[in-house]
Amino acid sequence: MRRTPGSAARRETLEAVRRGHATVTALARALGVTDNAVRLHLGALERDGLVERRGAVRSGRPGQPAVEYSLTRRGEEALSAAYAPALVAVVESMAQRLDVRTVRAVLADAGARMAGPARPDGTLRQRADACAALLASLGGAVDVQPARQAVTLVGHGCPLAAAVRADPATCTLVESLLEHRYAVRARQRCVHGDHPACRFELTE
């Protein structure tokens, strides 16, 4: 899941860490703020998994060594705007160069890789709620609509809208992600076109 800093000041702190200002003192000097302000922002960024402590250095002054910070992978992602256009370009390239079956197979494999360890426990409704929460964590907004033998996830928009506009087969990635993570059968009923919206029918 991509996370972004909660304020402009935290984002500036994150950017300063990326530029190599690794200690509280160095960050405070670079940002023109107090050490305490930097510690406050670093604490929030560390809790969000965007920075981590990588070691300590001695300044030559009395006292404890200064802690050095660096970006985590999640922190790098939070500062990047390249992922969406890169995904769209890859999807467009696959759609132009590969047959439909191969495109869907690649996207299904990508979804399975994103899924991580399977979490098959719980009723269908409980797993549907977990699917909805997963889509929300990826930037979606989804309602859960139970029926007699199925549960439908009805999305308001799509977290991969730009890529779906490039090729509707992109929905296969999400379908595979849900199936492999929560051991459900997910059937696409998505809305495509200029305003894509997720819709997946889940069964056992």
Foldseek 3Di string as FASTA:
>chain_A
DADAQPDPVLLLLLVVQAVPQWFLVSSCVVVVHDSVVSVVSVVVCVVVQFKDFDAFAQPPDDDDTTTTMHGDPSNVVNPDPVPLVVLLVVLLVCPVPHDPVVSLVVLLVLLLVVQPAADADDDQVVLVVVLQVVQVVLPWHWDWADDDFKIKTWTQFHSNQSNCQSPVSNVSSSQSNSCNHHVWHWDFPWDHDNTTIGMIITGD
